[in-house]
């Protein structure tokens, strides 16, 4: 939701900017808390999805 609103503002300004999301290697490897790993995997997929949608 936040990224979507930021994208709208960036498109209105017409500037060449980037969105950077930071997650963890836990999104790709099992270990530790399942909730932590799942949330980091969600951030990774959101970033990939937004990258495809915004091109």
Protein backbone atom coordinates (compact mmCIF):
# COMPACT_ATOMS: atom_id res chain seq x y z
CA UNK A 1 0.00 0.00 0.00
CA UNK A 2 2.73 2.45 0.94
CA UNK A 3 4.80 1.58 -2.12
CA UNK A 4 1.77 2.07 -4.36
CA UNK A 5 1.19 5.59 -3.05
CA UNK A 6 4.87 6.44 -3.43
CA UNK A 7 4.82 5.18 -7.02
CA UNK A 8 1.89 7.44 -7.83
CA UNK A 9 3.77 10.46 -6.45
CA UNK A 10 6.95 9.53 -8.32
CA UNK A 11 5.05 9.15 -11.60
CA UNK A 12 3.43 12.57 -11.15
CA UNK A 13 6.84 14.19 -10.61
CA UNK A 14 8.27 12.42 -13.63
CA UNK A 15 11.57 11.79 -11.88
CA UNK A 16 13.81 8.79 -12.45
CA UNK A 17 13.82 7.17 -9.00
CA UNK A 18 14.03 3.71 -7.42
CA UNK A 19 12.31 1.82 -4.65
CA UNK A 20 14.62 -0.35 -2.56
CA UNK A 21 13.24 -3.06 -0.28
CA UNK A 22 15.55 -4.82 2.16
CA UNK A 23 14.85 -8.36 3.30
CA UNK A 24 17.12 -11.24 4.28
CA UNK A 25 18.71 -14.44 3.01
CA UNK A 26 16.15 -16.13 5.26
CA UNK A 27 13.67 -15.68 2.42
CA UNK A 28 15.66 -18.24 0.40
CA UNK A 29 16.92 -20.63 3.10
CA UNK A 30 15.08 -22.52 5.78
CA UNK A 31 16.09 -21.87 9.36
CA UNK A 32 15.00 -19.82 12.31
CA UNK A 33 11.43 -18.66 12.75
CA UNK A 34 8.97 -19.66 10.04
CA UNK A 35 7.12 -16.36 10.45
CA UNK A 36 10.33 -14.37 9.91
CA UNK A 37 11.29 -16.40 6.82
CA UNK A 38 7.79 -16.11 5.35
CA UNK A 39 7.64 -12.35 5.89
CA UNK A 40 11.03 -11.85 4.20
CA UNK A 41 9.94 -14.03 1.28
CA UNK A 42 6.83 -11.86 1.00
CA UNK A 43 8.97 -8.71 0.77
CA UNK A 44 11.07 -10.33 -1.96
CA UNK A 45 8.03 -11.35 -4.01
CA UNK A 46 6.39 -7.95 -3.57
CA UNK A 47 9.55 -6.31 -4.89
CA UNK A 48 9.72 -8.64 -7.90
CA UNK A 49 6.01 -8.20 -8.66
CA UNK A 50 6.18 -4.40 -8.44
CA UNK A 51 9.25 -4.41 -10.69
CA UNK A 52 7.31 -6.27 -13.39
CA UNK A 53 4.19 -4.14 -13.02
CA UNK A 54 6.01 -0.82 -13.17
CA UNK A 55 8.03 -1.49 -16.32
